[in-house]
Amino acid sequence: MIDRAESSGKLRERALDELKAFAALSLYLYIFLGAVILYKSAVLNSVGVQFEVWGIVAIKAMILAKFMLFARMLHAERRHQNKPLIWSICNHALTFLVVLLLLTTVEELVLGAIHDRPTSVSLTHVVGANVLQGGAICLIMFLILLPYSIFTCLGEALGGPAVFRLFFVDRSAARGVRERKER
């Protein structure tokens, strides 16, 4: 009976941790994607085109967050774990970019099939109408993923709670890291 209650408590704690990770990642992506949409809206408004899709950005952020949590669960990004941190960070961001592009492509192709859109039109919804737009979108997404990757890789190297505390609570957590380094 105790084992069942203990495993139920662990399952509940894990589900709560996943929900917190999903909420934080969704908010992170919403803020960054929102900034890009705000800029796009401002540029298009300057030439007389109305463009506002905030609700869609929130939904897209949640979908992308779920994709990223799925990829994290598969440990798709752990290729350069024993190399210098810069390699881990770049690999992490690049891996998640590829995962997001692939899953977003699948999502758009399915939506295109449901709405009877040609495949070419569905693919333009992923990366834009030409190579320059596609490259720009990929670069922007990579840059959006970099801070997340830095935070995640630092958490793996130094310990997640210590990095969280260092960034969001108290910088005194860095003292312990410095003291271990100086020994």
C-alpha atoms as a PDB file:
ATOM      1  CA  MET A   1       0.000   0.000   0.000  1.00  0.00           C
ATOM      2  CA  ILE A   2       2.851   2.371   0.836  1.00  0.00           C
ATOM      3  CA  ASP A   3       4.549   1.607  -2.492  1.00  0.00           C
ATOM      4  CA  ARG A   4       1.380   2.466  -4.397  1.00  0.00           C
ATOM      5  CA  ALA A   5       0.951   5.764  -2.526  1.00  0.00           C
ATOM      6  CA  GLU A   6       4.635   6.581  -2.979  1.00  0.00           C
ATOM      7  CA  SER A   7       4.546   5.863  -6.714  1.00  0.00           C
ATOM      8  CA  SER A   8       1.329   7.868  -7.034  1.00  0.00           C
ATOM      9  CA  GLY A   9       3.032  10.802  -5.291  1.00  0.00           C
ATOM     10  CA  LYS A  10       6.063  10.523  -7.591  1.00  0.00           C
ATOM     11  CA  LEU A  11       3.813  10.381 -10.638  1.00  0.00           C
ATOM     12  CA  ARG A  12       1.894  13.441  -9.446  1.00  0.00           C
ATOM     13  CA  GLU A  13       5.169  15.304  -8.784  1.00  0.00           C
ATOM     14  CA  ARG A  14       6.500  14.378 -12.227  1.00  0.00           C
ATOM     15  CA  ALA A  15       3.253  15.496 -13.889  1.00  0.00           C
ATOM     16  CA  LEU A  16       3.418  18.792 -12.006  1.00  0.00           C
ATOM     17  CA  ASP A  17       7.050  19.282 -13.079  1.00  0.00           C
ATOM     18  CA  GLU A  18       6.077  18.591 -16.704  1.00  0.00           C
ATOM     19  CA  LEU A  19       3.165  21.023 -16.464  1.00  0.00           C
ATOM     20  CA  LYS A  20       5.476  23.720 -15.048  1.00  0.00           C
ATOM     21  CA  ALA A  21       8.025  23.070 -17.809  1.00  0.00           C
ATOM     22  CA  PHE A  22       5.270  23.239 -20.436  1.00  0.00           C
ATOM     23  CA  ALA A  23       3.878  26.504 -19.013  1.00  0.00           C
ATOM     24  CA  ALA A  24       7.313  28.124 -18.742  1.00  0.00           C
ATOM     25  CA  LEU A  25       8.369  27.048 -22.231  1.00  0.00           C
ATOM     26  CA  SER A  26       5.025  28.123 -23.726  1.00  0.00           C
ATOM     27  CA  LEU A  27       5.363  31.550 -22.097  1.00  0.00           C
ATOM     28  CA  TYR A  28       8.976  31.850 -23.272  1.00  0.00           C
ATOM     29  CA  LEU A  29       8.027  31.007 -26.855  1.00  0.00           C
ATOM     30  CA  TYR A  30       4.949  33.260 -26.726  1.00  0.00           C
ATOM     31  CA  ILE A  31       7.083  36.233 -25.682  1.00  0.00           C
ATOM     32  CA  PHE A  32       9.686  35.682 -28.396  1.00  0.00           C
ATOM     33  CA  LEU A  33       7.253  34.741 -31.148  1.00  0.00           C
ATOM     34  CA  GLY A  34       5.040  37.625 -30.027  1.00  0.00           C
ATOM     35  CA  ALA A  35       7.953  40.026 -30.507  1.00  0.00           C
ATOM     36  CA  VAL A  36       8.492  38.703 -34.035  1.00  0.00           C
ATOM     37  CA  ILE A  37       4.759  38.970 -34.814  1.00  0.00           C
ATOM     38  CA  LEU A  38       4.666  42.497 -33.365  1.00  0.00           C
ATOM     39  CA  TYR A  39       7.525  43.511 -35.650  1.00  0.00           C
ATOM     40  CA  LYS A  40       5.906  41.809 -38.658  1.00  0.00           C
ATOM     41  CA  SER A  41       2.609  43.523 -37.845  1.00  0.00           C
ATOM     42  CA  ALA A  42       4.308  46.923 -37.607  1.00  0.00           C
ATOM     43  CA  VAL A  43       6.082  46.464 -40.937  1.00  0.00           C
ATOM     44  CA  LEU A  44       2.931  45.291 -42.700  1.00  0.00           C
ATOM     45  CA  ASN A  45       0.817  48.058 -41.134  1.00  0.00           C
ATOM     46  CA  SER A  46       3.297  50.618 -42.492  1.00  0.00           C
ATOM     47  CA  VAL A  47       2.361  49.513 -46.022  1.00  0.00           C
ATOM     48  CA  GLY A  48      -1.369  49.317 -45.297  1.00  0.00           C
ATOM     49  CA  VAL A  49      -1.758  45.596 -44.565  1.00  0.00           C
ATOM     50  CA  GLN A  50      -3.581  44.650 -41.361  1.00  0.00           C
ATOM     51  CA  PHE A  51      -1.895  41.727 -39.602  1.00  0.00           C
ATOM     52  CA  GLU A  52      -2.683  40.647 -36.053  1.00  0.00           C
ATOM     53  CA  VAL A  53      -2.745  37.017 -34.959  1.00  0.00           C
ATOM     54  CA  TRP A  54      -2.093  37.007 -31.203  1.00  0.00           C
ATOM     55  CA  GLY A  55      -4.365  34.071 -30.435  1.00  0.00           C
ATOM     56  CA  ILE A  56      -2.675  31.973 -33.073  1.00  0.00           C
ATOM     57  CA  VAL A  57       0.729  32.873 -31.572  1.00  0.00           C
ATOM     58  CA  ALA A  58      -0.384  31.561 -28.166  1.00  0.00           C
ATOM     59  CA  ILE A  59      -1.589  28.299 -29.693  1.00  0.00           C
ATOM     60  CA  LYS A  60       1.563  27.987 -31.814  1.00  0.00           C
ATOM     61  CA  ALA A  61       3.740  28.600 -28.739  1.00  0.00           C
ATOM     62  CA  MET A  62       1.958  25.810 -26.871  1.00  0.00           C
ATOM     63  CA  ILE A  63       2.284  23.410 -29.816  1.00  0.00           C
ATOM     64  CA  LEU A  64       5.983  24.195 -30.229  1.00  0.00           C
ATOM     65  CA  ALA A  65       6.525  23.829 -26.468  1.00  0.00           C
ATOM     66  CA  LYS A  66       4.918  20.384 -26.574  1.00  0.00           C
ATOM     67  CA  PHE A  67       7.126  19.418 -29.527  1.00  0.00           C
ATOM     68  CA  MET A  68      10.217  20.601 -27.628  1.00  0.00           C
ATOM     69  CA  LEU A  69       9.244  18.697 -24.474  1.00  0.00           C
ATOM     70  CA  PHE A  70       8.700  15.603 -26.605  1.00  0.00           C
ATOM     71  CA  ALA A  71      12.171  15.966 -28.154  1.00  0.00           C
ATOM     72  CA  ARG A  72      13.681  16.582 -24.706  1.00  0.00           C
ATOM     73  CA  MET A  73      12.023  13.398 -23.460  1.00  0.00           C
ATOM     74  CA  LEU A  74      13.782  11.486 -26.264  1.00  0.00           C
ATOM     75  CA  HIS A  75      17.133  13.100 -25.331  1.00  0.00           C
ATOM     76  CA  ALA A  76      17.642  14.078 -28.962  1.00  0.00           C
ATOM     77  CA  GLU A  77      20.058  16.881 -28.060  1.00  0.00           C
ATOM     78  CA  ARG A  78      22.677  15.072 -25.948  1.00  0.00           C
ATOM     79  CA  ARG A  79      25.291  14.430 -28.613  1.00  0.00           C
ATOM     80  CA  HIS A  80      28.062  16.776 -27.404  1.00  0.00           C
ATOM     81  CA  GLN A  81      27.650  16.374 -23.643  1.00  0.00           C
ATOM     82  CA  ASN A  82      31.357  15.884 -22.872  1.00  0.00           C
ATOM     83  CA  LYS A  83      32.649  18.630 -25.161  1.00  0.00           C
ATOM     84  CA  PRO A  84      32.992  22.352 -24.336  1.00  0.00           C
ATOM     85  CA  LEU A  85      29.691  23.953 -23.388  1.00  0.00           C
ATOM     86  CA  ILE A  86      29.454  26.005 -26.591  1.00  0.00           C
ATOM     87  CA  TRP A  87      29.140  22.785 -28.620  1.00  0.00           C
ATOM     88  CA  SER A  88      26.399  21.470 -26.348  1.00  0.00           C
ATOM     89  CA  ILE A  89      24.523  24.764 -26.563  1.00  0.00           C
ATOM     90  CA  CYS A  90      24.738  25.039 -30.358  1.00  0.00           C
ATOM     91  CA  ASN A  91      23.870  21.355 -30.822  1.00  0.00           C
ATOM     92  CA  HIS A  92      20.927  21.717 -28.428  1.00  0.00           C
ATOM     93  CA  ALA A  93      19.547  24.769 -30.271  1.00  0.00           C
ATOM     94  CA  LEU A  94      20.141  23.239 -33.699  1.00  0.00           C
ATOM     95  CA  THR A  95      18.565  19.918 -32.706  1.00  0.00           C
ATOM     96  CA  PHE A  96      15.466  21.655 -31.390  1.00  0.00           C
ATOM     97  CA  LEU A  97      15.303  23.823 -34.514  1.00  0.00           C
ATOM     98  CA  VAL A  98      15.332  20.717 -36.717  1.00  0.00           C
ATOM     99  CA  VAL A  99      12.730  18.997 -34.511  1.00  0.00           C
ATOM    100  CA  LEU A 100      10.479  22.075 -34.620  1.00  0.00           C
ATOM    101  CA  LEU A 101      10.847  22.385 -38.387  1.00  0.00           C
ATOM    102  CA  LEU A 102      10.096  18.706 -38.978  1.00  0.00           C
ATOM    103  CA  LEU A 103       7.103  18.541 -36.642  1.00  0.00           C
ATOM    104  CA  THR A 104       5.742  21.883 -37.865  1.00  0.00           C
ATOM    105  CA  THR A 105       6.067  20.613 -41.436  1.00  0.00           C
ATOM    106  CA  VAL A 106       4.117  17.465 -40.547  1.00  0.00           C
ATOM    107  CA  GLU A 107       1.513  19.608 -38.746  1.00  0.00           C
ATOM    108  CA  GLU A 108       1.103  21.921 -41.764  1.00  0.00           C
ATOM    109  CA  LEU A 109       0.893  19.010 -44.202  1.00  0.00           C
ATOM    110  CA  VAL A 110      -1.848  17.393 -42.115  1.00  0.00           C
ATOM    111  CA  LEU A 111      -3.729  20.709 -41.854  1.00  0.00           C
ATOM    112  CA  GLY A 112      -3.267  21.197 -45.598  1.00  0.00           C
ATOM    113  CA  ALA A 113      -4.729  17.764 -46.291  1.00  0.00           C
ATOM    114  CA  ILE A 114      -7.701  18.520 -44.029  1.00  0.00           C
ATOM    115  CA  HIS A 115      -8.333  21.858 -45.783  1.00  0.00           C
ATOM    116  CA  ASP A 116      -7.561  20.520 -49.302  1.00  0.00           C
ATOM    117  CA  ARG A 117      -4.531  22.786 -49.781  1.00  0.00           C
ATOM    118  CA  PRO A 118      -1.755  21.845 -52.192  1.00  0.00           C
ATOM    119  CA  THR A 119       1.452  20.597 -50.540  1.00  0.00           C
ATOM    120  CA  SER A 120       3.408  23.590 -51.857  1.00  0.00           C
ATOM    121  CA  VAL A 121       1.027  26.001 -50.120  1.00  0.00           C
ATOM    122  CA  SER A 122       1.252  24.040 -46.863  1.00  0.00           C
ATOM    123  CA  LEU A 123       5.056  24.151 -46.996  1.00  0.00           C
ATOM    124  CA  THR A 124       5.053  27.941 -47.427  1.00  0.00           C
ATOM    125  CA  HIS A 125       3.273  28.109 -44.052  1.00  0.00           C
ATOM    126  CA  VAL A 126       6.374  26.530 -42.460  1.00  0.00           C
ATOM    127  CA  VAL A 127       9.271  28.600 -43.812  1.00  0.00           C
ATOM    128  CA  GLY A 128       7.852  31.206 -46.144  1.00  0.00           C
ATOM    129  CA  ALA A 129       7.476  31.636 -49.869  1.00  0.00           C
ATOM    130  CA  ASN A 130      11.159  31.682 -50.877  1.00  0.00           C
ATOM    131  CA  VAL A 131      14.629  30.607 -49.751  1.00  0.00           C
ATOM    132  CA  LEU A 132      15.459  34.013 -48.252  1.00  0.00           C
ATOM    133  CA  GLN A 133      12.339  33.976 -46.074  1.00  0.00           C
ATOM    134  CA  GLY A 134      13.021  30.374 -45.089  1.00  0.00           C
ATOM    135  CA  GLY A 135      16.594  31.184 -44.109  1.00  0.00           C
ATOM    136  CA  ALA A 136      15.482  34.231 -42.132  1.00  0.00           C
ATOM    137  CA  ILE A 137      12.811  32.230 -40.282  1.00  0.00           C
ATOM    138  CA  CYS A 138      15.303  29.462 -39.457  1.00  0.00           C
ATOM    139  CA  LEU A 139      17.864  31.997 -38.205  1.00  0.00           C
ATOM    140  CA  ILE A 140      15.290  33.793 -36.060  1.00  0.00           C
ATOM    141  CA  MET A 141      14.080  30.497 -34.579  1.00  0.00           C
ATOM    142  CA  PHE A 142      17.684  29.441 -33.884  1.00  0.00           C
ATOM    143  CA  LEU A 143      18.307  32.756 -32.110  1.00  0.00           C
ATOM    144  CA  ILE A 144      15.072  32.317 -30.126  1.00  0.00           C
ATOM    145  CA  LEU A 145      16.207  28.843 -29.071  1.00  0.00           C
ATOM    146  CA  LEU A 146      19.712  29.949 -27.992  1.00  0.00           C
ATOM    147  CA  PRO A 147      18.796  31.445 -24.575  1.00  0.00           C
ATOM    148  CA  TYR A 148      16.685  28.387 -23.793  1.00  0.00           C
ATOM    149  CA  SER A 149      19.575  26.136 -24.837  1.00  0.00           C
ATOM    150  CA  ILE A 150      22.066  28.117 -22.769  1.00  0.00           C
ATOM    151  CA  PHE A 151      19.879  27.868 -19.692  1.00  0.00           C
ATOM    152  CA  THR A 152      19.218  24.151 -20.244  1.00  0.00           C
ATOM    153  CA  CYS A 153      22.861  23.218 -20.922  1.00  0.00           C
ATOM    154  CA  LEU A 154      24.081  25.249 -17.960  1.00  0.00           C
ATOM    155  CA  GLY A 155      21.491  23.445 -15.846  1.00  0.00           C
ATOM    156  CA  GLU A 156      22.842  20.090 -16.990  1.00  0.00           C
ATOM    157  CA  ALA A 157      26.445  21.152 -16.322  1.00  0.00           C
ATOM    158  CA  LEU A 158      25.971  22.896 -12.970  1.00  0.00           C
ATOM    159  CA  GLY A 159      22.702  21.445 -11.716  1.00  0.00           C
ATOM    160  CA  GLY A 160      19.268  22.753 -12.628  1.00  0.00           C
ATOM    161  CA  PRO A 161      18.244  24.146  -9.220  1.00  0.00           C
ATOM    162  CA  ALA A 162      21.543  26.012  -8.832  1.00  0.00           C
ATOM    163  CA  VAL A 163      21.229  27.645 -12.250  1.00  0.00           C
ATOM    164  CA  PHE A 164      17.588  28.546 -11.664  1.00  0.00           C
ATOM    165  CA  ARG A 165      18.524  30.079  -8.321  1.00  0.00           C
ATOM    166  CA  LEU A 166      21.449  31.914  -9.910  1.00  0.00           C
ATOM    167  CA  PHE A 167      19.262  33.460 -12.618  1.00  0.00           C
ATOM    168  CA  PHE A 168      16.021  34.087 -10.773  1.00  0.00           C
ATOM    169  CA  VAL A 169      16.523  34.052  -7.002  1.00  0.00           C
ATOM    170  CA  ASP A 170      19.953  34.810  -5.594  1.00  0.00           C
ATOM    171  CA  ARG A 171      23.387  35.119  -7.142  1.00  0.00           C
ATOM    172  CA  SER A 172      24.976  33.623  -4.025  1.00  0.00           C
ATOM    173  CA  ALA A 173      24.526  30.227  -5.707  1.00  0.00           C
ATOM    174  CA  ALA A 174      27.496  31.192  -7.878  1.00  0.00           C
ATOM    175  CA  ARG A 175      29.753  31.327  -4.811  1.00  0.00           C
ATOM    176  CA  GLY A 176      29.533  27.567  -4.364  1.00  0.00           C
ATOM    177  CA  VAL A 177      30.494  26.996  -7.991  1.00  0.00           C
ATOM    178  CA  ARG A 178      33.417  29.451  -7.726  1.00  0.00           C
ATOM    179  CA  GLU A 179      34.612  27.905  -4.444  1.00  0.00           C
ATOM    180  CA  ARG A 180      34.623  24.406  -5.963  1.00  0.00           C
ATOM    181  CA  LYS A 181      36.525  25.756  -8.956  1.00  0.00           C
ATOM    182  CA  GLU A 182      39.168  27.452  -6.807  1.00  0.00           C
ATOM    183  CA  ARG A 183      39.963  24.248  -4.861  1.00  0.00           C
END
